[in-house]
Amino acid sequence: MSGEVGADPTGTIIGPSIGEQTDQALTNIGYILGAAGLRLDNVVATTVYLVNVSDFAEMNAHYATFFKNAPPSRATIQVAALPKKGALVEISAIAVDAD
């Protein structure tokens, strides 16, 4: 799926911290997967785009709470900016239906 930022359904960025935005981006991914009959356990790869790579440790701590058993492969890239104003992180994911 395409990248999700830490915005609520109205498009408002959730909180000023990388942790809050990471949680919301992954929650959004979970909702999208759920609509397709999948869950986060079906994610096999993600790409994380960070405006500031120094936010990696905090983002990673929050990310880990969503992928406790078998974390998917991940690439993390620092970008100059993200299209959504105020976004600090964007996460894209690839999921497979193992059934």
PDB file of N, CA and C in Angstrom:
ATOM      1  N   MET A   1       0.835  -1.170   0.000  1.00  0.00           N
ATOM      2  CA  MET A   1       0.000   0.000   0.000  1.00  0.00           C
ATOM      3  C   MET A   1       0.878   1.229   0.000  1.00  0.00           C
ATOM      4  N   SER A   2       0.309   2.308  -0.490  1.00  0.00           N
ATOM      5  CA  SER A   2       1.077   3.548  -0.546  1.00  0.00           C
ATOM      6  C   SER A   2       1.332   4.073   0.859  1.00  0.00           C
ATOM      7  N   GLY A   3       2.173   5.046   0.953  1.00  0.00           N
ATOM      8  CA  GLY A   3       2.589   5.559   2.246  1.00  0.00           C
ATOM      9  C   GLY A   3       1.465   6.190   3.044  1.00  0.00           C
ATOM     10  N   GLU A   4       1.507   5.938   4.335  1.00  0.00           N
ATOM     11  CA  GLU A   4       0.570   6.526   5.285  1.00  0.00           C
ATOM     12  C   GLU A   4       1.343   7.424   6.238  1.00  0.00           C
ATOM     13  N   VAL A   5       0.825   8.616   6.433  1.00  0.00           N
ATOM     14  CA  VAL A   5       1.409   9.526   7.420  1.00  0.00           C
ATOM     15  C   VAL A   5       0.591   9.434   8.702  1.00  0.00           C
ATOM     16  N   GLY A   6       1.024  10.121   9.717  1.00  0.00           N
ATOM     17  CA  GLY A   6       0.351  10.087  11.002  1.00  0.00           C
ATOM     18  C   GLY A   6      -0.810  11.056  11.084  1.00  0.00           C
ATOM     19  N   ALA A   7      -1.769  10.900  10.174  1.00  0.00           N
ATOM     20  CA  ALA A   7      -2.942  11.772  10.144  1.00  0.00           C
ATOM     21  C   ALA A   7      -4.186  10.980  10.495  1.00  0.00           C
ATOM     22  N   ASP A   8      -5.139  11.665  11.146  1.00  0.00           N
ATOM     23  CA  ASP A   8      -6.416  11.018  11.456  1.00  0.00           C
ATOM     24  C   ASP A   8      -7.298  11.014  10.198  1.00  0.00           C
ATOM     25  N   PRO A   9      -8.486  10.422  10.271  1.00  0.00           N
ATOM     26  CA  PRO A   9      -9.346  10.347   9.074  1.00  0.00           C
ATOM     27  C   PRO A   9      -9.728  11.707   8.464  1.00  0.00           C
ATOM     28  N   THR A  10      -9.631  12.775   9.248  1.00  0.00           N
ATOM     29  CA  THR A  10      -9.933  14.108   8.706  1.00  0.00           C
ATOM     30  C   THR A  10      -8.732  14.700   7.969  1.00  0.00           C
ATOM     31  N   GLY A  11      -7.582  14.030   8.064  1.00  0.00           N
ATOM     32  CA  GLY A  11      -6.369  14.530   7.419  1.00  0.00           C
ATOM     33  C   GLY A  11      -5.489  15.367   8.323  1.00  0.00           C
ATOM     34  N   THR A  12      -5.878  15.496   9.592  1.00  0.00           N
ATOM     35  CA  THR A  12      -5.108  16.275  10.554  1.00  0.00           C
ATOM     36  C   THR A  12      -3.965  15.429  11.112  1.00  0.00           C
ATOM     37  N   ILE A  13      -2.753  15.972  11.050  1.00  0.00           N
ATOM     38  CA  ILE A  13      -1.591  15.283  11.616  1.00  0.00           C
ATOM     39  C   ILE A  13      -1.783  15.171  13.125  1.00  0.00           C
ATOM     40  N   ILE A  14      -1.545  13.966  13.647  1.00  0.00           N
ATOM     41  CA  ILE A  14      -1.715  13.674  15.075  1.00  0.00           C
ATOM     42  C   ILE A  14      -0.432  14.026  15.811  1.00  0.00           C
ATOM     43  N   GLY A  15      -0.504  15.002  16.676  1.00  0.00           N
ATOM     44  CA  GLY A  15       0.605  15.328  17.567  1.00  0.00           C
ATOM     45  C   GLY A  15       1.873  15.773  16.872  1.00  0.00           C
ATOM     46  N   PRO A  16       2.720  16.430  17.633  1.00  0.00           N
ATOM     47  CA  PRO A  16       3.973  16.937  17.071  1.00  0.00           C
ATOM     48  C   PRO A  16       5.142  15.956  17.162  1.00  0.00           C
ATOM     49  N   SER A  17       4.952  14.823  17.853  1.00  0.00           N
ATOM     50  CA  SER A  17       6.100  13.935  18.065  1.00  0.00           C
ATOM     51  C   SER A  17       6.147  12.808  17.034  1.00  0.00           C
ATOM     52  N   ILE A  18       7.339  12.342  16.785  1.00  0.00           N
ATOM     53  CA  ILE A  18       7.534  11.222  15.861  1.00  0.00           C
ATOM     54  C   ILE A  18       6.846   9.968  16.388  1.00  0.00           C
ATOM     55  N   GLY A  19       6.824   9.784  17.693  1.00  0.00           N
ATOM     56  CA  GLY A  19       6.167   8.619  18.272  1.00  0.00           C
ATOM     57  C   GLY A  19       4.674   8.625  18.006  1.00  0.00           C
ATOM     58  N   GLU A  20       4.020   9.756  18.251  1.00  0.00           N
ATOM     59  CA  GLU A  20       2.576   9.863  18.004  1.00  0.00           C
ATOM     60  C   GLU A  20       2.254   9.647  16.528  1.00  0.00           C
ATOM     61  N   GLN A  21       3.065  10.228  15.668  1.00  0.00           N
ATOM     62  CA  GLN A  21       2.817  10.111  14.235  1.00  0.00           C
ATOM     63  C   GLN A  21       3.093   8.695  13.732  1.00  0.00           C
ATOM     64  N   THR A  22       4.108   8.045  14.265  1.00  0.00           N
ATOM     65  CA  THR A  22       4.389   6.656  13.893  1.00  0.00           C
ATOM     66  C   THR A  22       3.223   5.757  14.296  1.00  0.00           C
ATOM     67  N   ASP A  23       2.735   5.944  15.526  1.00  0.00           N
ATOM     68  CA  ASP A  23       1.594   5.155  15.997  1.00  0.00           C
ATOM     69  C   ASP A  23       0.391   5.336  15.073  1.00  0.00           C
ATOM     70  N   GLN A  24       0.105   6.576  14.693  1.00  0.00           N
ATOM     71  CA  GLN A  24      -1.064   6.828  13.851  1.00  0.00           C
ATOM     72  C   GLN A  24      -0.865   6.268  12.448  1.00  0.00           C
ATOM     73  N   ALA A  25       0.329   6.411  11.881  1.00  0.00           N
ATOM     74  CA  ALA A  25       0.587   5.871  10.540  1.00  0.00           C
ATOM     75  C   ALA A  25       0.385   4.357  10.528  1.00  0.00           C
ATOM     76  N   LEU A  26       0.884   3.676  11.546  1.00  0.00           N
ATOM     77  CA  LEU A  26       0.737   2.224  11.606  1.00  0.00           C
ATOM     78  C   LEU A  26      -0.697   1.818  11.939  1.00  0.00           C
ATOM     79  N   THR A  27      -1.387   2.615  12.708  1.00  0.00           N
ATOM     80  CA  THR A  27      -2.812   2.366  12.956  1.00  0.00           C
ATOM     81  C   THR A  27      -3.582   2.484  11.652  1.00  0.00           C
ATOM     82  N   ASN A  28      -3.264   3.505  10.861  1.00  0.00           N
ATOM     83  CA  ASN A  28      -3.903   3.676   9.555  1.00  0.00           C
ATOM     84  C   ASN A  28      -3.647   2.468   8.657  1.00  0.00           C
ATOM     85  N   ILE A  29      -2.420   1.983   8.647  1.00  0.00           N
ATOM     86  CA  ILE A  29      -2.088   0.797   7.857  1.00  0.00           C
ATOM     87  C   ILE A  29      -2.900  -0.395   8.344  1.00  0.00           C
ATOM     88  N   GLY A  30      -3.034  -0.530   9.655  1.00  0.00           N
ATOM     89  CA  GLY A  30      -3.846  -1.608  10.214  1.00  0.00           C
ATOM     90  C   GLY A  30      -5.292  -1.536   9.753  1.00  0.00           C
ATOM     91  N   TYR A  31      -5.866  -0.334   9.702  1.00  0.00           N
ATOM     92  CA  TYR A  31      -7.250  -0.166   9.220  1.00  0.00           C
ATOM     93  C   TYR A  31      -7.382  -0.576   7.755  1.00  0.00           C
ATOM     94  N   ILE A  32      -6.420  -0.170   6.944  1.00  0.00           N
ATOM     95  CA  ILE A  32      -6.453  -0.507   5.514  1.00  0.00           C
ATOM     96  C   ILE A  32      -6.342  -2.015   5.332  1.00  0.00           C
ATOM     97  N   LEU A  33      -5.424  -2.623   6.053  1.00  0.00           N
ATOM     98  CA  LEU A  33      -5.275  -4.078   5.985  1.00  0.00           C
ATOM     99  C   LEU A  33      -6.562  -4.771   6.436  1.00  0.00           C
ATOM    100  N   GLY A  34      -7.156  -4.287   7.512  1.00  0.00           N
ATOM    101  CA  GLY A  34      -8.390  -4.867   8.018  1.00  0.00           C
ATOM    102  C   GLY A  34      -9.502  -4.832   6.995  1.00  0.00           C
ATOM    103  N   ALA A  35      -9.585  -3.743   6.248  1.00  0.00           N
ATOM    104  CA  ALA A  35     -10.609  -3.627   5.206  1.00  0.00           C
ATOM    105  C   ALA A  35     -10.404  -4.659   4.101  1.00  0.00           C
ATOM    106  N   ALA A  36      -9.171  -5.121   3.959  1.00  0.00           N
ATOM    107  CA  ALA A  36      -8.846  -6.134   2.950  1.00  0.00           C
ATOM    108  C   ALA A  36      -8.848  -7.545   3.541  1.00  0.00           C
ATOM    109  N   GLY A  37      -9.248  -7.663   4.804  1.00  0.00           N
ATOM    110  CA  GLY A  37      -9.265  -8.970   5.453  1.00  0.00           C
ATOM    111  C   GLY A  37      -7.897  -9.427   5.927  1.00  0.00           C
ATOM    112  N   LEU A  38      -6.968  -8.492   6.076  1.00  0.00           N
ATOM    113  CA  LEU A  38      -5.607  -8.816   6.519  1.00  0.00           C
ATOM    114  C   LEU A  38      -5.320  -8.097   7.831  1.00  0.00           C
ATOM    115  N   ARG A  39      -4.142  -8.342   8.377  1.00  0.00           N
ATOM    116  CA  ARG A  39      -3.707  -7.650   9.587  1.00  0.00           C
ATOM    117  C   ARG A  39      -2.207  -7.367   9.498  1.00  0.00           C
ATOM    118  N   LEU A  40      -1.689  -6.719  10.504  1.00  0.00           N
ATOM    119  CA  LEU A  40      -0.273  -6.351  10.479  1.00  0.00           C
ATOM    120  C   LEU A  40       0.638  -7.564  10.364  1.00  0.00           C
ATOM    121  N   ASP A  41       0.199  -8.722  10.849  1.00  0.00           N
ATOM    122  CA  ASP A  41       1.003  -9.942  10.715  1.00  0.00           C
ATOM    123  C   ASP A  41       1.230 -10.336   9.257  1.00  0.00           C
ATOM    124  N   ASN A  42       0.416  -9.798   8.342  1.00  0.00           N
ATOM    125  CA  ASN A  42       0.560 -10.094   6.917  1.00  0.00           C
ATOM    126  C   ASN A  42       1.594  -9.202   6.229  1.00  0.00           C
ATOM    127  N   VAL A  43       2.097  -8.197   6.931  1.00  0.00           N
ATOM    128  CA  VAL A  43       3.074  -7.274   6.347  1.00  0.00           C
ATOM    129  C   VAL A  43       4.429  -7.972   6.249  1.00  0.00           C
ATOM    130  N   VAL A  44       5.009  -7.950   5.049  1.00  0.00           N
ATOM    131  CA  VAL A  44       6.313  -8.588   4.836  1.00  0.00           C
ATOM    132  C   VAL A  44       7.434  -7.574   4.616  1.00  0.00           C
ATOM    133  N   ALA A  45       7.075  -6.326   4.289  1.00  0.00           N
ATOM    134  CA  ALA A  45       8.095  -5.306   4.071  1.00  0.00           C
ATOM    135  C   ALA A  45       7.493  -3.920   4.265  1.00  0.00           C
ATOM    136  N   THR A  46       8.299  -3.026   4.816  1.00  0.00           N
ATOM    137  CA  THR A  46       7.889  -1.628   4.940  1.00  0.00           C
ATOM    138  C   THR A  46       9.032  -0.728   4.492  1.00  0.00           C
ATOM    139  N   THR A  47       8.655   0.470   4.128  1.00  0.00           N
ATOM    140  CA  THR A  47       9.626   1.537   3.892  1.00  0.00           C
ATOM    141  C   THR A  47       9.191   2.701   4.761  1.00  0.00           C
ATOM    142  N   VAL A  48      10.108   3.191   5.570  1.00  0.00           N
ATOM    143  CA  VAL A  48       9.837   4.305   6.473  1.00  0.00           C
ATOM    144  C   VAL A  48      10.612   5.512   5.964  1.00  0.00           C
ATOM    145  N   TYR A  49       9.884   6.599   5.756  1.00  0.00           N
ATOM    146  CA  TYR A  49      10.485   7.859   5.314  1.00  0.00           C
ATOM    147  C   TYR A  49      10.469   8.816   6.496  1.00  0.00           C
ATOM    148  N   LEU A  50      11.637   9.262   6.931  1.00  0.00           N
ATOM    149  CA  LEU A  50      11.765  10.172   8.060  1.00  0.00           C
ATOM    150  C   LEU A  50      12.278  11.522   7.588  1.00  0.00           C
ATOM    151  N   VAL A  51      11.670  12.593   8.081  1.00  0.00           N
ATOM    152  CA  VAL A  51      12.178  13.928   7.788  1.00  0.00           C
ATOM    153  C   VAL A  51      13.512  14.136   8.495  1.00  0.00           C
ATOM    154  N   ASN A  52      13.664  13.533   9.668  1.00  0.00           N
ATOM    155  CA  ASN A  52      14.898  13.680  10.422  1.00  0.00           C
ATOM    156  C   ASN A  52      15.359  12.310  10.912  1.00  0.00           C
ATOM    157  N   VAL A  53      16.461  11.841  10.394  1.00  0.00           N
ATOM    158  CA  VAL A  53      16.948  10.505  10.755  1.00  0.00           C
ATOM    159  C   VAL A  53      17.295  10.407  12.245  1.00  0.00           C
ATOM    160  N   SER A  54      17.496  11.527  12.907  1.00  0.00           N
ATOM    161  CA  SER A  54      17.759  11.476  14.351  1.00  0.00           C
ATOM    162  C   SER A  54      16.510  11.045  15.131  1.00  0.00           C
ATOM    163  N   ASP A  55      15.349  11.000  14.466  1.00  0.00           N
ATOM    164  CA  ASP A  55      14.123  10.491  15.080  1.00  0.00           C
ATOM    165  C   ASP A  55      14.021   8.967  14.995  1.00  0.00           C
ATOM    166  N   PHE A  56      15.030   8.317  14.421  1.00  0.00           N
ATOM    167  CA  PHE A  56      14.942   6.873  14.186  1.00  0.00           C
ATOM    168  C   PHE A  56      14.685   6.081  15.462  1.00  0.00           C
ATOM    169  N   ALA A  57      15.418   6.347  16.529  1.00  0.00           N
ATOM    170  CA  ALA A  57      15.284   5.546  17.753  1.00  0.00           C
ATOM    171  C   ALA A  57      13.868   5.623  18.322  1.00  0.00           C
ATOM    172  N   GLU A  58      13.289   6.813  18.381  1.00  0.00           N
ATOM    173  CA  GLU A  58      11.929   6.950  18.906  1.00  0.00           C
ATOM    174  C   GLU A  58      10.919   6.297  17.968  1.00  0.00           C
ATOM    175  N   MET A  59      11.084   6.519  16.663  1.00  0.00           N
ATOM    176  CA  MET A  59      10.189   5.876  15.695  1.00  0.00           C
ATOM    177  C   MET A  59      10.290   4.364  15.843  1.00  0.00           C
ATOM    178  N   ASN A  60      11.487   3.845  15.953  1.00  0.00           N
ATOM    179  CA  ASN A  60      11.706   2.405  16.032  1.00  0.00           C
ATOM    180  C   ASN A  60      11.070   1.803  17.287  1.00  0.00           C
ATOM    181  N   ALA A  61      11.134   2.508  18.393  1.00  0.00           N
ATOM    182  CA  ALA A  61      10.524   2.023  19.631  1.00  0.00           C
ATOM    183  C   ALA A  61       9.012   1.884  19.465  1.00  0.00           C
ATOM    184  N   HIS A  62       8.390   2.834  18.806  1.00  0.00           N
ATOM    185  CA  HIS A  62       6.942   2.772  18.574  1.00  0.00           C
ATOM    186  C   HIS A  62       6.612   1.720  17.517  1.00  0.00           C
ATOM    187  N   TYR A  63       7.402   1.669  16.472  1.00  0.00           N
ATOM    188  CA  TYR A  63       7.224   0.696  15.387  1.00  0.00           C
ATOM    189  C   TYR A  63       7.247  -0.724  15.956  1.00  0.00           C
ATOM    190  N   ALA A  64       8.169  -0.971  16.863  1.00  0.00           N
ATOM    191  CA  ALA A  64       8.335  -2.317  17.433  1.00  0.00           C
ATOM    192  C   ALA A  64       7.095  -2.785  18.190  1.00  0.00           C
ATOM    193  N   THR A  65       6.308  -1.861  18.738  1.00  0.00           N
ATOM    194  CA  THR A  65       5.102  -2.267  19.463  1.00  0.00           C
ATOM    195  C   THR A  65       4.017  -2.788  18.525  1.00  0.00           C
ATOM    196  N   PHE A  66       4.111  -2.476  17.248  1.00  0.00           N
ATOM    197  CA  PHE A  66       3.132  -2.952  16.271  1.00  0.00           C
ATOM    198  C   PHE A  66       3.550  -4.276  15.641  1.00  0.00           C
ATOM    199  N   PHE A  67       4.843  -4.571  15.645  1.00  0.00           N
ATOM    200  CA  PHE A  67       5.383  -5.786  15.029  1.00  0.00           C
ATOM    201  C   PHE A  67       6.184  -6.552  16.073  1.00  0.00           C
ATOM    202  N   LYS A  68       5.485  -7.205  17.001  1.00  0.00           N
ATOM    203  CA  LYS A  68       6.142  -7.863  18.131  1.00  0.00           C
ATOM    204  C   LYS A  68       6.720  -9.231  17.785  1.00  0.00           C
ATOM    205  N   ASN A  69       6.033 -10.019  16.968  1.00  0.00           N
ATOM    206  CA  ASN A  69       6.433 -11.410  16.732  1.00  0.00           C
ATOM    207  C   ASN A  69       7.483 -11.558  15.641  1.00  0.00           C
ATOM    208  N   ALA A  70       7.144 -11.168  14.448  1.00  0.00           N
ATOM    209  CA  ALA A  70       8.054 -11.329  13.312  1.00  0.00           C
ATOM    210  C   ALA A  70       8.070 -10.026  12.519  1.00  0.00           C
ATOM    211  N   PRO A  71       8.926  -9.090  12.906  1.00  0.00           N
ATOM    212  CA  PRO A  71       8.950  -7.810  12.201  1.00  0.00           C
ATOM    213  C   PRO A  71       9.252  -7.999  10.715  1.00  0.00           C
ATOM    214  N   PRO A  72       8.570  -7.231   9.866  1.00  0.00           N
ATOM    215  CA  PRO A  72       8.840  -7.329   8.434  1.00  0.00           C
ATOM    216  C   PRO A  72      10.191  -6.695   8.103  1.00  0.00           C
ATOM    217  N   SER A  73      10.700  -7.023   6.924  1.00  0.00           N
ATOM    218  CA  SER A  73      11.921  -6.343   6.490  1.00  0.00           C
ATOM    219  C   SER A  73      11.587  -4.856   6.343  1.00  0.00           C
ATOM    220  N   ARG A  74      12.595  -4.019   6.530  1.00  0.00           N
ATOM    221  CA  ARG A  74      12.333  -2.584   6.521  1.00  0.00           C
ATOM    222  C   ARG A  74      13.510  -1.830   5.952  1.00  0.00           C
ATOM    223  N   ALA A  75      13.181  -0.816   5.177  1.00  0.00           N
ATOM    224  CA  ALA A  75      14.172   0.166   4.748  1.00  0.00           C
ATOM    225  C   ALA A  75      13.746   1.493   5.368  1.00  0.00           C
ATOM    226  N   THR A  76      14.703   2.264   5.833  1.00  0.00           N
ATOM    227  CA  THR A  76      14.412   3.580   6.399  1.00  0.00           C
ATOM    228  C   THR A  76      15.233   4.611   5.646  1.00  0.00           C
ATOM    229  N   ILE A  77      14.552   5.658   5.206  1.00  0.00           N
ATOM    230  CA  ILE A  77      15.172   6.664   4.355  1.00  0.00           C
ATOM    231  C   ILE A  77      14.889   8.046   4.923  1.00  0.00           C
ATOM    232  N   GLN A  78      15.914   8.902   4.973  1.00  0.00           N
ATOM    233  CA  GLN A  78      15.677  10.288   5.353  1.00  0.00           C
ATOM    234  C   GLN A  78      15.313  11.065   4.103  1.00  0.00           C
ATOM    235  N   VAL A  79      14.285  11.906   4.218  1.00  0.00           N
ATOM    236  CA  VAL A  79      13.827  12.734   3.108  1.00  0.00           C
ATOM    237  C   VAL A  79      13.883  14.199   3.522  1.00  0.00           C
ATOM    238  N   ALA A  80      13.944  15.093   2.545  1.00  0.00           N
ATOM    239  CA  ALA A  80      13.992  16.522   2.852  1.00  0.00           C
ATOM    240  C   ALA A  80      12.668  17.021   3.421  1.00  0.00           C
ATOM    241  N   ALA A  81      11.573  16.464   2.930  1.00  0.00           N
ATOM    242  CA  ALA A  81      10.239  16.859   3.397  1.00  0.00           C
ATOM    243  C   ALA A  81       9.244  15.821   2.912  1.00  0.00           C
ATOM    244  N   LEU A  82       8.058  15.838   3.521  1.00  0.00           N
ATOM    245  CA  LEU A  82       6.952  14.981   3.090  1.00  0.00           C
ATOM    246  C   LEU A  82       5.836  15.885   2.581  1.00  0.00           C
ATOM    247  N   PRO A  83       5.027  15.393   1.633  1.00  0.00           N
ATOM    248  CA  PRO A  83       3.998  16.240   1.031  1.00  0.00           C
ATOM    249  C   PRO A  83       2.959  16.791   2.015  1.00  0.00           C
ATOM    250  N   LYS A  84       2.627  16.029   3.048  1.00  0.00           N
ATOM    251  CA  LYS A  84       1.613  16.479   4.019  1.00  0.00           C
ATOM    252  C   LYS A  84       2.285  17.400   5.034  1.00  0.00           C
ATOM    253  N   LYS A  85       1.817  18.641   5.114  1.00  0.00           N
ATOM    254  CA  LYS A  85       2.416  19.621   6.024  1.00  0.00           C
ATOM    255  C   LYS A  85       2.393  19.115   7.471  1.00  0.00           C
ATOM    256  N   GLY A  86       3.542  19.161   8.119  1.00  0.00           N
ATOM    257  CA  GLY A  86       3.666  18.749   9.504  1.00  0.00           C
ATOM    258  C   GLY A  86       3.999  17.280   9.694  1.00  0.00           C
ATOM    259  N   ALA A  87       3.992  16.502   8.609  1.00  0.00           N
ATOM    260  CA  ALA A  87       4.296  15.075   8.724  1.00  0.00           C
ATOM    261  C   ALA A  87       5.793  14.883   8.944  1.00  0.00           C
ATOM    262  N   LEU A  88       6.117  14.052   9.934  1.00  0.00           N
ATOM    263  CA  LEU A  88       7.508  13.725  10.231  1.00  0.00           C
ATOM    264  C   LEU A  88       7.891  12.343   9.736  1.00  0.00           C
ATOM    265  N   VAL A  89       6.876  11.503   9.464  1.00  0.00           N
ATOM    266  CA  VAL A  89       7.112  10.125   9.055  1.00  0.00           C
ATOM    267  C   VAL A  89       6.028   9.697   8.079  1.00  0.00           C
ATOM    268  N   GLU A  90       6.422   8.875   7.133  1.00  0.00           N
ATOM    269  CA  GLU A  90       5.489   8.206   6.218  1.00  0.00           C
ATOM    270  C   GLU A  90       5.930   6.764   6.119  1.00  0.00           C
ATOM    271  N   ILE A  91       4.971   5.843   6.153  1.00  0.00           N
ATOM    272  CA  ILE A  91       5.301   4.418   6.112  1.00  0.00           C
ATOM    273  C   ILE A  91       4.487   3.759   5.032  1.00  0.00           C
ATOM    274  N   SER A  92       5.162   3.069   4.115  1.00  0.00           N
ATOM    275  CA  SER A  92       4.473   2.250   3.113  1.00  0.00           C
ATOM    276  C   SER A  92       4.694   0.784   3.480  1.00  0.00           C
ATOM    277  N   ALA A  93       3.793  -0.074   3.027  1.00  0.00           N
ATOM    278  CA  ALA A  93       3.863  -1.474   3.423  1.00  0.00           C
ATOM    279  C   ALA A  93       3.466  -2.394   2.277  1.00  0.00           C
ATOM    280  N   ILE A  94       4.051  -3.578   2.291  1.00  0.00           N
ATOM    281  CA  ILE A  94       3.668  -4.656   1.391  1.00  0.00           C
ATOM    282  C   ILE A  94       3.177  -5.800   2.271  1.00  0.00           C
ATOM    283  N   ALA A  95       1.980  -6.268   2.000  1.00  0.00           N
ATOM    284  CA  ALA A  95       1.398  -7.375   2.760  1.00  0.00           C
ATOM    285  C   ALA A  95       0.986  -8.478   1.819  1.00  0.00           C
ATOM    286  N   VAL A  96       1.047  -9.702   2.309  1.00  0.00           N
ATOM    287  CA  VAL A  96       0.623 -10.853   1.508  1.00  0.00           C
ATOM    288  C   VAL A  96      -0.436 -11.633   2.276  1.00  0.00           C
ATOM    289  N   ASP A  97      -1.342 -12.225   1.517  1.00  0.00           N
ATOM    290  CA  ASP A  97      -2.365 -13.075   2.097  1.00  0.00           C
ATOM    291  C   ASP A  97      -1.824 -14.497   2.065  1.00  0.00           C
ATOM    292  N   ALA A  98      -1.462 -15.025   3.223  1.00  0.00           N
ATOM    293  CA  ALA A  98      -0.843 -16.352   3.292  1.00  0.00           C
ATOM    294  C   ALA A  98      -1.847 -17.485   3.129  1.00  0.00           C
ATOM    295  N   ASP A  99      -3.131 -17.171   3.134  1.00  0.00           N
ATOM    296  CA  ASP A  99      -4.153 -18.224   3.003  1.00  0.00           C
ATOM    297  C   ASP A  99      -4.404 -18.615   1.567  1.00  0.00           C
TER     298      ASP A  99
END
